[in-house]
Amino acid sequence: MSESADTEIKMVVAYIRPDKLGDVKQSLAEAGAPSLTVTNVSGRGSQPAKKGQWRGEEYTVDLHQKVKIECVVADIPAGDVVDAIQEGANTGEPGDGKIFVLPVESAHQIRTGTTGPDAV
């Protein structure tokens, strides 16, 4: 492996509201981190449950639709990515989401066989 000791690879994982995805993508592109993976997920957190009614029956929705964003970076600081996501996703209301920063042990590019920060 050709990983240099001074360059760390980090994975930033964020769970946000689906309607804020466009704003987050724009913020990430402006921060220099345009590469990301997006997955639709459901989750439960501090956002309150919603009550609904369907065909006369009342039900509770406590799993809310979210978007999971994964962004692996080596050439820009993970803090800049976190700031960009927070700026794009913030509404100031419960349920805006969470951001996690994880260390990445190694990275390998399948097509070229490149490893380490160059593979990101």
PDB file of N, CA and C in Angstrom:
ATOM      1  N   MET A   1       0.833  -1.183   0.000  1.00  0.00           N
ATOM      2  CA  MET A   1       0.000   0.000   0.000  1.00  0.00           C
ATOM      3  C   MET A   1       0.870   1.235   0.000  1.00  0.00           C
ATOM      4  N   SER A   2       0.376   2.275  -0.676  1.00  0.00           N
ATOM      5  CA  SER A   2       1.161   3.492  -0.798  1.00  0.00           C
ATOM      6  C   SER A   2       0.516   4.662  -0.076  1.00  0.00           C
ATOM      7  N   GLU A   3      -0.104   4.408   1.063  1.00  0.00           N
ATOM      8  CA  GLU A   3      -0.731   5.480   1.825  1.00  0.00           C
ATOM      9  C   GLU A   3       0.333   6.303   2.538  1.00  0.00           C
ATOM     10  N   SER A   4       0.235   7.617   2.408  1.00  0.00           N
ATOM     11  CA  SER A   4       1.168   8.472   3.132  1.00  0.00           C
ATOM     12  C   SER A   4       0.619   8.718   4.530  1.00  0.00           C
ATOM     13  N   ALA A   5       1.508   8.846   5.483  1.00  0.00           N
ATOM     14  CA  ALA A   5       1.107   8.958   6.883  1.00  0.00           C
ATOM     15  C   ALA A   5       0.440  10.292   7.187  1.00  0.00           C
ATOM     16  N   ASP A   6       0.730  11.352   6.388  1.00  0.00           N
ATOM     17  CA  ASP A   6       0.192  12.669   6.699  1.00  0.00           C
ATOM     18  C   ASP A   6      -1.192  12.919   6.082  1.00  0.00           C
ATOM     19  N   THR A   7      -1.663  12.059   5.211  1.00  0.00           N
ATOM     20  CA  THR A   7      -2.974  12.227   4.594  1.00  0.00           C
ATOM     21  C   THR A   7      -3.921  11.171   5.130  1.00  0.00           C
ATOM     22  N   GLU A   8      -4.967  11.637   5.799  1.00  0.00           N
ATOM     23  CA  GLU A   8      -5.950  10.716   6.363  1.00  0.00           C
ATOM     24  C   GLU A   8      -7.165  10.641   5.449  1.00  0.00           C
ATOM     25  N   ILE A   9      -7.723   9.448   5.358  1.00  0.00           N
ATOM     26  CA  ILE A   9      -8.959   9.260   4.618  1.00  0.00           C
ATOM     27  C   ILE A   9     -10.093   9.213   5.628  1.00  0.00           C
ATOM     28  N   LYS A  10     -11.123  10.001   5.397  1.00  0.00           N
ATOM     29  CA  LYS A  10     -12.282  10.059   6.298  1.00  0.00           C
ATOM     30  C   LYS A  10     -13.552   9.816   5.502  1.00  0.00           C
ATOM     31  N   MET A  11     -14.518   9.158   6.149  1.00  0.00           N
ATOM     32  CA  MET A  11     -15.840   9.013   5.571  1.00  0.00           C
ATOM     33  C   MET A  11     -16.796   9.850   6.400  1.00  0.00           C
ATOM     34  N   VAL A  12     -17.492  10.750   5.736  1.00  0.00           N
ATOM     35  CA  VAL A  12     -18.500  11.569   6.388  1.00  0.00           C
ATOM     36  C   VAL A  12     -19.851  10.979   6.005  1.00  0.00           C
ATOM     37  N   VAL A  13     -20.631  10.591   7.026  1.00  0.00           N
ATOM     38  CA  VAL A  13     -21.952  10.010   6.820  1.00  0.00           C
ATOM     39  C   VAL A  13     -22.966  10.964   7.442  1.00  0.00           C
ATOM     40  N   ALA A  14     -23.967  11.341   6.659  1.00  0.00           N
ATOM     41  CA  ALA A  14     -24.987  12.265   7.149  1.00  0.00           C
ATOM     42  C   ALA A  14     -26.367  11.713   6.848  1.00  0.00           C
ATOM     43  N   TYR A  15     -27.279  11.916   7.785  1.00  0.00           N
ATOM     44  CA  TYR A  15     -28.686  11.575   7.611  1.00  0.00           C
ATOM     45  C   TYR A  15     -29.448  12.885   7.624  1.00  0.00           C
ATOM     46  N   ILE A  16     -30.099  13.222   6.517  1.00  0.00           N
ATOM     47  CA  ILE A  16     -30.751  14.525   6.389  1.00  0.00           C
ATOM     48  C   ILE A  16     -32.173  14.365   5.859  1.00  0.00           C
ATOM     49  N   ARG A  17     -32.902  15.471   5.859  1.00  0.00           N
ATOM     50  CA  ARG A  17     -34.245  15.495   5.273  1.00  0.00           C
ATOM     51  C   ARG A  17     -34.133  15.386   3.748  1.00  0.00           C
ATOM     52  N   PRO A  18     -35.008  14.614   3.116  1.00  0.00           N
ATOM     53  CA  PRO A  18     -34.931  14.454   1.655  1.00  0.00           C
ATOM     54  C   PRO A  18     -35.046  15.766   0.887  1.00  0.00           C
ATOM     55  N   ASP A  19     -35.841  16.703   1.378  1.00  0.00           N
ATOM     56  CA  ASP A  19     -36.028  17.957   0.670  1.00  0.00           C
ATOM     57  C   ASP A  19     -34.803  18.876   0.731  1.00  0.00           C
ATOM     58  N   LYS A  20     -33.830  18.557   1.545  1.00  0.00           N
ATOM     59  CA  LYS A  20     -32.612  19.373   1.650  1.00  0.00           C
ATOM     60  C   LYS A  20     -31.454  18.808   0.824  1.00  0.00           C
ATOM     61  N   LEU A  21     -31.680  17.708   0.101  1.00  0.00           N
ATOM     62  CA  LEU A  21     -30.607  17.070  -0.652  1.00  0.00           C
ATOM     63  C   LEU A  21     -30.000  18.009  -1.690  1.00  0.00           C
ATOM     64  N   GLY A  22     -30.813  18.737  -2.420  1.00  0.00           N
ATOM     65  CA  GLY A  22     -30.300  19.660  -3.430  1.00  0.00           C
ATOM     66  C   GLY A  22     -29.387  20.720  -2.837  1.00  0.00           C
ATOM     67  N   ASP A  23     -29.789  21.276  -1.694  1.00  0.00           N
ATOM     68  CA  ASP A  23     -28.975  22.295  -1.020  1.00  0.00           C
ATOM     69  C   ASP A  23     -27.646  21.712  -0.540  1.00  0.00           C
ATOM     70  N   VAL A  24     -27.691  20.476  -0.020  1.00  0.00           N
ATOM     71  CA  VAL A  24     -26.471  19.834   0.472  1.00  0.00           C
ATOM     72  C   VAL A  24     -25.528  19.526  -0.695  1.00  0.00           C
ATOM     73  N   LYS A  25     -26.070  19.022  -1.800  1.00  0.00           N
ATOM     74  CA  LYS A  25     -25.226  18.743  -2.976  1.00  0.00           C
ATOM     75  C   LYS A  25     -24.531  20.008  -3.462  1.00  0.00           C
ATOM     76  N   GLN A  26     -25.260  21.110  -3.492  1.00  0.00           N
ATOM     77  CA  GLN A  26     -24.676  22.382  -3.924  1.00  0.00           C
ATOM     78  C   GLN A  26     -23.593  22.836  -2.944  1.00  0.00           C
ATOM     79  N   SER A  27     -23.852  22.728  -1.646  1.00  0.00           N
ATOM     80  CA  SER A  27     -22.864  23.121  -0.636  1.00  0.00           C
ATOM     81  C   SER A  27     -21.598  22.274  -0.735  1.00  0.00           C
ATOM     82  N   LEU A  28     -21.765  20.961  -0.959  1.00  0.00           N
ATOM     83  CA  LEU A  28     -20.606  20.077  -1.090  1.00  0.00           C
ATOM     84  C   LEU A  28     -19.792  20.409  -2.335  1.00  0.00           C
ATOM     85  N   ALA A  29     -20.460  20.705  -3.437  1.00  0.00           N
ATOM     86  CA  ALA A  29     -19.748  21.064  -4.663  1.00  0.00           C
ATOM     87  C   ALA A  29     -18.954  22.349  -4.464  1.00  0.00           C
ATOM     88  N   GLU A  30     -19.532  23.321  -3.774  1.00  0.00           N
ATOM     89  CA  GLU A  30     -18.838  24.580  -3.498  1.00  0.00           C
ATOM     90  C   GLU A  30     -17.647  24.372  -2.572  1.00  0.00           C
ATOM     91  N   ALA A  31     -17.732  23.349  -1.688  1.00  0.00           N
ATOM     92  CA  ALA A  31     -16.637  23.051  -0.754  1.00  0.00           C
ATOM     93  C   ALA A  31     -15.547  22.206  -1.405  1.00  0.00           C
ATOM     94  N   GLY A  32     -15.767  21.761  -2.653  1.00  0.00           N
ATOM     95  CA  GLY A  32     -14.762  20.959  -3.342  1.00  0.00           C
ATOM     96  C   GLY A  32     -14.904  19.472  -3.123  1.00  0.00           C
ATOM     97  N   ALA A  33     -16.083  19.017  -2.675  1.00  0.00           N
ATOM     98  CA  ALA A  33     -16.330  17.592  -2.448  1.00  0.00           C
ATOM     99  C   ALA A  33     -17.569  17.169  -3.229  1.00  0.00           C
ATOM    100  N   PRO A  34     -17.476  17.099  -4.557  1.00  0.00           N
ATOM    101  CA  PRO A  34     -18.672  16.792  -5.353  1.00  0.00           C
ATOM    102  C   PRO A  34     -19.054  15.314  -5.352  1.00  0.00           C
ATOM    103  N   SER A  35     -18.142  14.413  -4.957  1.00  0.00           N
ATOM    104  CA  SER A  35     -18.433  12.971  -4.995  1.00  0.00           C
ATOM    105  C   SER A  35     -19.181  12.540  -3.739  1.00  0.00           C
ATOM    106  N   LEU A  36     -20.293  11.837  -3.936  1.00  0.00           N
ATOM    107  CA  LEU A  36     -21.063  11.357  -2.805  1.00  0.00           C
ATOM    108  C   LEU A  36     -21.928  10.186  -3.236  1.00  0.00           C
ATOM    109  N   THR A  37     -22.393   9.443  -2.253  1.00  0.00           N
ATOM    110  CA  THR A  37     -23.333   8.347  -2.464  1.00  0.00           C
ATOM    111  C   THR A  37     -24.578   8.674  -1.656  1.00  0.00           C
ATOM    112  N   VAL A  38     -25.746   8.495  -2.271  1.00  0.00           N
ATOM    113  CA  VAL A  38     -27.007   8.844  -1.625  1.00  0.00           C
ATOM    114  C   VAL A  38     -27.896   7.602  -1.565  1.00  0.00           C
ATOM    115  N   THR A  39     -28.490   7.354  -0.386  1.00  0.00           N
ATOM    116  CA  THR A  39     -29.386   6.225  -0.177  1.00  0.00           C
ATOM    117  C   THR A  39     -30.634   6.718   0.549  1.00  0.00           C
ATOM    118  N   ASN A  40     -31.799   6.249   0.144  1.00  0.00           N
ATOM    119  CA  ASN A  40     -33.030   6.564   0.867  1.00  0.00           C
ATOM    120  C   ASN A  40     -33.170   5.601   2.034  1.00  0.00           C
ATOM    121  N   VAL A  41     -33.378   6.158   3.233  1.00  0.00           N
ATOM    122  CA  VAL A  41     -33.497   5.354   4.447  1.00  0.00           C
ATOM    123  C   VAL A  41     -34.663   5.866   5.296  1.00  0.00           C
ATOM    124  N   SER A  42     -35.045   5.078   6.295  1.00  0.00           N
ATOM    125  CA  SER A  42     -36.043   5.492   7.279  1.00  0.00           C
ATOM    126  C   SER A  42     -35.387   5.439   8.643  1.00  0.00           C
ATOM    127  N   GLY A  43     -35.753   6.361   9.522  1.00  0.00           N
ATOM    128  CA  GLY A  43     -35.147   6.356  10.842  1.00  0.00           C
ATOM    129  C   GLY A  43     -36.020   7.039  11.870  1.00  0.00           C
ATOM    130  N   ARG A  44     -35.587   6.890  13.113  1.00  0.00           N
ATOM    131  CA  ARG A  44     -36.301   7.475  14.233  1.00  0.00           C
ATOM    132  C   ARG A  44     -35.287   8.145  15.133  1.00  0.00           C
ATOM    133  N   GLY A  45     -35.578   9.343  15.554  1.00  0.00           N
ATOM    134  CA  GLY A  45     -34.664  10.083  16.421  1.00  0.00           C
ATOM    135  C   GLY A  45     -35.436  11.076  17.256  1.00  0.00           C
ATOM    136  N   SER A  46     -34.951  12.308  17.318  1.00  0.00           N
ATOM    137  CA  SER A  46     -35.577  13.322  18.154  1.00  0.00           C
ATOM    138  C   SER A  46     -36.812  13.942  17.509  1.00  0.00           C
ATOM    139  N   GLN A  47     -37.004  13.699  16.217  1.00  0.00           N
ATOM    140  CA  GLN A  47     -38.169  14.238  15.531  1.00  0.00           C
ATOM    141  C   GLN A  47     -39.428  13.543  16.055  1.00  0.00           C
ATOM    142  N   PRO A  48     -40.452  14.310  16.440  1.00  0.00           N
ATOM    143  CA  PRO A  48     -41.643  13.690  17.031  1.00  0.00           C
ATOM    144  C   PRO A  48     -42.409  12.835  16.018  1.00  0.00           C
ATOM    145  N   ALA A  49     -43.108  11.814  16.537  1.00  0.00           N
ATOM    146  CA  ALA A  49     -43.942  10.952  15.695  1.00  0.00           C
ATOM    147  C   ALA A  49     -45.140  11.745  15.191  1.00  0.00           C
ATOM    148  N   LYS A  50     -45.635  11.341  14.027  1.00  0.00           N
ATOM    149  CA  LYS A  50     -46.807  11.998  13.446  1.00  0.00           C
ATOM    150  C   LYS A  50     -47.969  11.022  13.452  1.00  0.00           C
ATOM    151  N   LYS A  51     -49.143  11.548  13.732  1.00  0.00           N
ATOM    152  CA  LYS A  51     -50.356  10.730  13.704  1.00  0.00           C
ATOM    153  C   LYS A  51     -51.063  10.984  12.385  1.00  0.00           C
ATOM    154  N   GLY A  52     -51.633   9.917  11.845  1.00  0.00           N
ATOM    155  CA  GLY A  52     -52.366  10.032  10.600  1.00  0.00           C
ATOM    156  C   GLY A  52     -53.612   9.194  10.645  1.00  0.00           C
ATOM    157  N   GLN A  53     -54.438   9.320   9.627  1.00  0.00           N
ATOM    158  CA  GLN A  53     -55.657   8.533   9.554  1.00  0.00           C
ATOM    159  C   GLN A  53     -55.801   8.034   8.123  1.00  0.00           C
ATOM    160  N   TRP A  54     -56.090   6.740   7.998  1.00  0.00           N
ATOM    161  CA  TRP A  54     -56.267   6.125   6.693  1.00  0.00           C
ATOM    162  C   TRP A  54     -57.435   5.170   6.764  1.00  0.00           C
ATOM    163  N   ARG A  55     -58.431   5.399   5.913  1.00  0.00           N
ATOM    164  CA  ARG A  55     -59.652   4.585   5.887  1.00  0.00           C
ATOM    165  C   ARG A  55     -60.296   4.464   7.276  1.00  0.00           C
ATOM    166  N   GLY A  56     -60.316   5.570   7.973  1.00  0.00           N
ATOM    167  CA  GLY A  56     -60.972   5.602   9.277  1.00  0.00           C
ATOM    168  C   GLY A  56     -60.144   5.085  10.435  1.00  0.00           C
ATOM    169  N   GLU A  57     -58.979   4.525  10.163  1.00  0.00           N
ATOM    170  CA  GLU A  57     -58.103   4.005  11.214  1.00  0.00           C
ATOM    171  C   GLU A  57     -56.978   4.995  11.487  1.00  0.00           C
ATOM    172  N   GLU A  58     -56.718   5.211  12.772  1.00  0.00           N
ATOM    173  CA  GLU A  58     -55.621   6.096  13.145  1.00  0.00           C
ATOM    174  C   GLU A  58     -54.327   5.291  13.228  1.00  0.00           C
ATOM    175  N   TYR A  59     -53.231   5.884  12.777  1.00  0.00           N
ATOM    176  CA  TYR A  59     -51.931   5.220  12.846  1.00  0.00           C
ATOM    177  C   TYR A  59     -50.860   6.240  13.220  1.00  0.00           C
ATOM    178  N   THR A  60     -49.735   5.739  13.701  1.00  0.00           N
ATOM    179  CA  THR A  60     -48.617   6.587  14.104  1.00  0.00           C
ATOM    180  C   THR A  60     -47.421   6.295  13.202  1.00  0.00           C
ATOM    181  N   VAL A  61     -46.836   7.362  12.695  1.00  0.00           N
ATOM    182  CA  VAL A  61     -45.631   7.231  11.878  1.00  0.00           C
ATOM    183  C   VAL A  61     -44.461   7.698  12.730  1.00  0.00           C
ATOM    184  N   ASP A  62     -43.630   6.745  13.170  1.00  0.00           N
ATOM    185  CA  ASP A  62     -42.465   7.134  13.972  1.00  0.00           C
ATOM    186  C   ASP A  62     -41.154   6.863  13.239  1.00  0.00           C
ATOM    187  N   LEU A  63     -41.229   6.289  12.039  1.00  0.00           N
ATOM    188  CA  LEU A  63     -40.049   6.158  11.188  1.00  0.00           C
ATOM    189  C   LEU A  63     -40.178   7.188  10.072  1.00  0.00           C
ATOM    190  N   HIS A  64     -39.267   8.140  10.059  1.00  0.00           N
ATOM    191  CA  HIS A  64     -39.332   9.239   9.101  1.00  0.00           C
ATOM    192  C   HIS A  64     -38.388   8.983   7.936  1.00  0.00           C
ATOM    193  N   GLN A  65     -38.799   9.413   6.755  1.00  0.00           N
ATOM    194  CA  GLN A  65     -37.966   9.263   5.568  1.00  0.00           C
ATOM    195  C   GLN A  65     -36.767  10.201   5.677  1.00  0.00           C
ATOM    196  N   LYS A  66     -35.587   9.663   5.436  1.00  0.00           N
ATOM    197  CA  LYS A  66     -34.346  10.433   5.458  1.00  0.00           C
ATOM    198  C   LYS A  66     -33.519  10.056   4.246  1.00  0.00           C
ATOM    199  N   VAL A  67     -32.485  10.817   4.009  1.00  0.00           N
ATOM    200  CA  VAL A  67     -31.512  10.519   2.964  1.00  0.00           C
ATOM    201  C   VAL A  67     -30.165  10.337   3.649  1.00  0.00           C
ATOM    202  N   LYS A  68     -29.500   9.239   3.338  1.00  0.00           N
ATOM    203  CA  LYS A  68     -28.164   8.980   3.881  1.00  0.00           C
ATOM    204  C   LYS A  68     -27.153   9.388   2.820  1.00  0.00           C
ATOM    205  N   ILE A  69     -26.234  10.255   3.209  1.00  0.00           N
ATOM    206  CA  ILE A  69     -25.179  10.725   2.311  1.00  0.00           C
ATOM    207  C   ILE A  69     -23.853  10.211   2.839  1.00  0.00           C
ATOM    208  N   GLU A  70     -23.070   9.591   1.953  1.00  0.00           N
ATOM    209  CA  GLU A  70     -21.725   9.142   2.301  1.00  0.00           C
ATOM    210  C   GLU A  70     -20.745   9.864   1.388  1.00  0.00           C
ATOM    211  N   CYS A  71     -19.728  10.436   1.986  1.00  0.00           N
ATOM    212  CA  CYS A  71     -18.727  11.182   1.233  1.00  0.00           C
ATOM    213  C   CYS A  71     -17.355  10.825   1.812  1.00  0.00           C
ATOM    214  N   VAL A  72     -16.501  10.215   0.991  1.00  0.00           N
ATOM    215  CA  VAL A  72     -15.156   9.844   1.429  1.00  0.00           C
ATOM    216  C   VAL A  72     -14.187  10.888   0.898  1.00  0.00           C
ATOM    217  N   VAL A  73     -13.368  11.458   1.798  1.00  0.00           N
ATOM    218  CA  VAL A  73     -12.448  12.517   1.400  1.00  0.00           C
ATOM    219  C   VAL A  73     -11.040  12.241   1.915  1.00  0.00           C
ATOM    220  N   ALA A  74     -10.073  12.673   1.129  1.00  0.00           N
ATOM    221  CA  ALA A  74      -8.681  12.598   1.544  1.00  0.00           C
ATOM    222  C   ALA A  74      -7.964  13.904   1.221  1.00  0.00           C
ATOM    223  N   ASP A  75      -8.413  14.586   0.177  1.00  0.00           N
ATOM    224  CA  ASP A  75      -7.721  15.785  -0.286  1.00  0.00           C
ATOM    225  C   ASP A  75      -8.253  17.074   0.328  1.00  0.00           C
ATOM    226  N   ILE A  76      -9.422  17.036   0.960  1.00  0.00           N
ATOM    227  CA  ILE A  76      -9.938  18.201   1.669  1.00  0.00           C
ATOM    228  C   ILE A  76     -10.281  17.785   3.095  1.00  0.00           C
ATOM    229  N   PRO A  77     -10.219  18.706   4.045  1.00  0.00           N
ATOM    230  CA  PRO A  77     -10.508  18.348   5.437  1.00  0.00           C
ATOM    231  C   PRO A  77     -11.954  17.893   5.630  1.00  0.00           C
ATOM    232  N   ALA A  78     -12.145  16.870   6.442  1.00  0.00           N
ATOM    233  CA  ALA A  78     -13.488  16.365   6.735  1.00  0.00           C
ATOM    234  C   ALA A  78     -14.337  17.450   7.397  1.00  0.00           C
ATOM    235  N   GLY A  79     -13.709  18.340   8.141  1.00  0.00           N
ATOM    236  CA  GLY A  79     -14.438  19.436   8.781  1.00  0.00           C
ATOM    237  C   GLY A  79     -15.112  20.347   7.778  1.00  0.00           C
ATOM    238  N   ASP A  80     -14.475  20.553   6.615  1.00  0.00           N
ATOM    239  CA  ASP A  80     -15.085  21.379   5.572  1.00  0.00           C
ATOM    240  C   ASP A  80     -16.323  20.695   5.006  1.00  0.00           C
ATOM    241  N   VAL A  81     -16.270  19.374   4.878  1.00  0.00           N
ATOM    242  CA  VAL A  81     -17.417  18.610   4.388  1.00  0.00           C
ATOM    243  C   VAL A  81     -18.554  18.677   5.409  1.00  0.00           C
ATOM    244  N   VAL A  82     -18.223  18.521   6.676  1.00  0.00           N
ATOM    245  CA  VAL A  82     -19.233  18.607   7.741  1.00  0.00           C
ATOM    246  C   VAL A  82     -19.893  19.990   7.720  1.00  0.00           C
ATOM    247  N   ASP A  83     -19.084  21.039   7.613  1.00  0.00           N
ATOM    248  CA  ASP A  83     -19.632  22.399   7.575  1.00  0.00           C
ATOM    249  C   ASP A  83     -20.554  22.595   6.379  1.00  0.00           C
ATOM    250  N   ALA A  84     -20.165  22.055   5.221  1.00  0.00           N
ATOM    251  CA  ALA A  84     -20.979  22.197   4.010  1.00  0.00           C
ATOM    252  C   ALA A  84     -22.313  21.478   4.164  1.00  0.00           C
ATOM    253  N   ILE A  85     -22.284  20.266   4.722  1.00  0.00           N
ATOM    254  CA  ILE A  85     -23.529  19.515   4.919  1.00  0.00           C
ATOM    255  C   ILE A  85     -24.419  20.235   5.925  1.00  0.00           C
ATOM    256  N   GLN A  86     -23.819  20.706   7.016  1.00  0.00           N
ATOM    257  CA  GLN A  86     -24.598  21.397   8.043  1.00  0.00           C
ATOM    258  C   GLN A  86     -25.234  22.668   7.483  1.00  0.00           C
ATOM    259  N   GLU A  87     -24.495  23.392   6.663  1.00  0.00           N
ATOM    260  CA  GLU A  87     -25.016  24.618   6.060  1.00  0.00           C
ATOM    261  C   GLU A  87     -26.192  24.317   5.129  1.00  0.00           C
ATOM    262  N   GLY A  88     -26.072  23.265   4.328  1.00  0.00           N
ATOM    263  CA  GLY A  88     -27.120  22.941   3.373  1.00  0.00           C
ATOM    264  C   GLY A  88     -28.337  22.279   3.980  1.00  0.00           C
ATOM    265  N   ALA A  89     -28.175  21.566   5.094  1.00  0.00           N
ATOM    266  CA  ALA A  89     -29.268  20.776   5.661  1.00  0.00           C
ATOM    267  C   ALA A  89     -30.010  21.455   6.804  1.00  0.00           C
ATOM    268  N   ASN A  90     -29.489  22.524   7.330  1.00  0.00           N
ATOM    269  CA  ASN A  90     -30.056  23.135   8.532  1.00  0.00           C
ATOM    270  C   ASN A  90     -31.365  23.868   8.249  1.00  0.00           C
ATOM    271  N   THR A  91     -32.414  23.495   8.985  1.00  0.00           N
ATOM    272  CA  THR A  91     -33.677  24.238   8.962  1.00  0.00           C
ATOM    273  C   THR A  91     -33.967  24.835  10.339  1.00  0.00           C
ATOM    274  N   GLY A  92     -33.232  24.380  11.359  1.00  0.00           N
ATOM    275  CA  GLY A  92     -33.449  24.856  12.710  1.00  0.00           C
ATOM    276  C   GLY A  92     -34.555  24.128  13.448  1.00  0.00           C
ATOM    277  N   GLU A  93     -35.099  23.069  12.852  1.00  0.00           N
ATOM    278  CA  GLU A  93     -36.185  22.318  13.463  1.00  0.00           C
ATOM    279  C   GLU A  93     -35.715  20.916  13.841  1.00  0.00           C
ATOM    280  N   PRO A  94     -36.411  20.256  14.792  1.00  0.00           N
ATOM    281  CA  PRO A  94     -36.053  18.871  15.103  1.00  0.00           C
ATOM    282  C   PRO A  94     -36.184  17.999  13.858  1.00  0.00           C
ATOM    283  N   GLY A  95     -35.262  17.051  13.707  1.00  0.00           N
ATOM    284  CA  GLY A  95     -35.305  16.158  12.562  1.00  0.00           C
ATOM    285  C   GLY A  95     -34.415  16.579  11.415  1.00  0.00           C
ATOM    286  N   ASP A  96     -33.569  17.605  11.628  1.00  0.00           N
ATOM    287  CA  ASP A  96     -32.650  18.031  10.568  1.00  0.00           C
ATOM    288  C   ASP A  96     -31.637  16.948  10.236  1.00  0.00           C
ATOM    289  N   GLY A  97     -31.284  16.103  11.202  1.00  0.00           N
ATOM    290  CA  GLY A  97     -30.393  14.989  10.920  1.00  0.00           C
ATOM    291  C   GLY A  97     -29.146  14.977  11.778  1.00  0.00           C
ATOM    292  N   LYS A  98     -28.245  14.086  11.393  1.00  0.00           N
ATOM    293  CA  LYS A  98     -26.984  13.896  12.123  1.00  0.00           C
ATOM    294  C   LYS A  98     -25.857  13.725  11.113  1.00  0.00           C
ATOM    295  N   ILE A  99     -24.635  14.043  11.559  1.00  0.00           N
ATOM    296  CA  ILE A  99     -23.437  13.868  10.738  1.00  0.00           C
ATOM    297  C   ILE A  99     -22.418  13.102  11.568  1.00  0.00           C
ATOM    298  N   PHE A 100     -21.803  12.086  10.965  1.00  0.00           N
ATOM    299  CA  PHE A 100     -20.775  11.286  11.621  1.00  0.00           C
ATOM    300  C   PHE A 100     -19.517  11.299  10.757  1.00  0.00           C
ATOM    301  N   VAL A 101     -18.363  11.358  11.400  1.00  0.00           N
ATOM    302  CA  VAL A 101     -17.083  11.300  10.696  1.00  0.00           C
ATOM    303  C   VAL A 101     -16.360  10.044  11.168  1.00  0.00           C
ATOM    304  N   LEU A 102     -16.008   9.176  10.216  1.00  0.00           N
ATOM    305  CA  LEU A 102     -15.379   7.895  10.521  1.00  0.00           C
ATOM    306  C   LEU A 102     -14.019   7.799   9.842  1.00  0.00           C
ATOM    307  N   PRO A 103     -13.034   7.193  10.509  1.00  0.00           N
ATOM    308  CA  PRO A 103     -11.756   6.962   9.844  1.00  0.00           C
ATOM    309  C   PRO A 103     -11.896   5.819   8.836  1.00  0.00           C
ATOM    310  N   VAL A 104     -11.189   5.934   7.718  1.00  0.00           N
ATOM    311  CA  VAL A 104     -11.174   4.874   6.709  1.00  0.00           C
ATOM    312  C   VAL A 104      -9.787   4.249   6.740  1.00  0.00           C
ATOM    313  N   GLU A 105      -9.743   2.952   6.967  1.00  0.00           N
ATOM    314  CA  GLU A 105      -8.471   2.248   7.085  1.00  0.00           C
ATOM    315  C   GLU A 105      -7.703   2.238   5.770  1.00  0.00           C
ATOM    316  N   SER A 106      -8.388   1.925   4.679  1.00  0.00           N
ATOM    317  CA  SER A 106      -7.734   1.945   3.371  1.00  0.00           C
ATOM    318  C   SER A 106      -8.785   2.115   2.290  1.00  0.00           C
ATOM    319  N   ALA A 107      -8.325   2.503   1.110  1.00  0.00           N
ATOM    320  CA  ALA A 107      -9.199   2.665  -0.051  1.00  0.00           C
ATOM    321  C   ALA A 107      -8.505   2.039  -1.249  1.00  0.00           C
ATOM    322  N   HIS A 108      -9.301   1.398  -2.098  1.00  0.00           N
ATOM    323  CA  HIS A 108      -8.764   0.731  -3.285  1.00  0.00           C
ATOM    324  C   HIS A 108      -9.658   1.056  -4.472  1.00  0.00           C
ATOM    325  N   GLN A 109      -9.068   1.533  -5.549  1.00  0.00           N
ATOM    326  CA  GLN A 109      -9.834   1.795  -6.759  1.00  0.00           C
ATOM    327  C   GLN A 109      -9.801   0.539  -7.618  1.00  0.00           C
ATOM    328  N   ILE A 110     -10.949   0.021  -7.978  1.00  0.00           N
ATOM    329  CA  ILE A 110     -11.042  -1.252  -8.679  1.00  0.00           C
ATOM    330  C   ILE A 110     -10.411  -1.190 -10.067  1.00  0.00           C
ATOM    331  N   ARG A 111     -10.746  -0.166 -10.835  1.00  0.00           N
ATOM    332  CA  ARG A 111     -10.290  -0.108 -12.231  1.00  0.00           C
ATOM    333  C   ARG A 111      -8.783  -0.012 -12.356  1.00  0.00           C
ATOM    334  N   THR A 112      -8.149   0.856 -11.563  1.00  0.00           N
ATOM    335  CA  THR A 112      -6.720   1.108 -11.722  1.00  0.00           C
ATOM    336  C   THR A 112      -5.846   0.359 -10.736  1.00  0.00           C
ATOM    337  N   GLY A 113      -6.442  -0.113  -9.641  1.00  0.00           N
ATOM    338  CA  GLY A 113      -5.649  -0.768  -8.612  1.00  0.00           C
ATOM    339  C   GLY A 113      -4.960   0.198  -7.670  1.00  0.00           C
ATOM    340  N   THR A 114      -5.252   1.493  -7.806  1.00  0.00           N
ATOM    341  CA  THR A 114      -4.678   2.517  -6.944  1.00  0.00           C
ATOM    342  C   THR A 114      -5.162   2.316  -5.509  1.00  0.00           C
ATOM    343  N   THR A 115      -4.280   2.552  -4.529  1.00  0.00           N
ATOM    344  CA  THR A 115      -4.647   2.428  -3.129  1.00  0.00           C
ATOM    345  C   THR A 115      -4.340   3.700  -2.380  1.00  0.00           C
ATOM    346  N   GLY A 116      -4.910   3.800  -1.194  1.00  0.00           N
ATOM    347  CA  GLY A 116      -4.647   4.954  -0.328  1.00  0.00           C
ATOM    348  C   GLY A 116      -5.414   6.187  -0.752  1.00  0.00           C
ATOM    349  N   PRO A 117      -4.947   7.370  -0.341  1.00  0.00           N
ATOM    350  CA  PRO A 117      -5.639   8.624  -0.646  1.00  0.00           C
ATOM    351  C   PRO A 117      -5.811   8.867  -2.156  1.00  0.00           C
ATOM    352  N   ASP A 118      -4.903   8.356  -2.975  1.00  0.00           N
ATOM    353  CA  ASP A 118      -5.026   8.545  -4.422  1.00  0.00           C
ATOM    354  C   ASP A 118      -6.227   7.809  -4.985  1.00  0.00           C
ATOM    355  N   ALA A 119      -6.719   6.786  -4.300  1.00  0.00           N
ATOM    356  CA  ALA A 119      -7.867   6.019  -4.768  1.00  0.00           C
ATOM    357  C   ALA A 119      -9.177   6.760  -4.518  1.00  0.00           C
ATOM    358  N   VAL A 120      -9.141   7.726  -3.629  1.00  0.00           N
ATOM    359  CA  VAL A 120     -10.357   8.480  -3.295  1.00  0.00           C
ATOM    360  C   VAL A 120     -10.563   9.528  -4.353  1.00  0.00           C
TER     361      VAL A 120
END
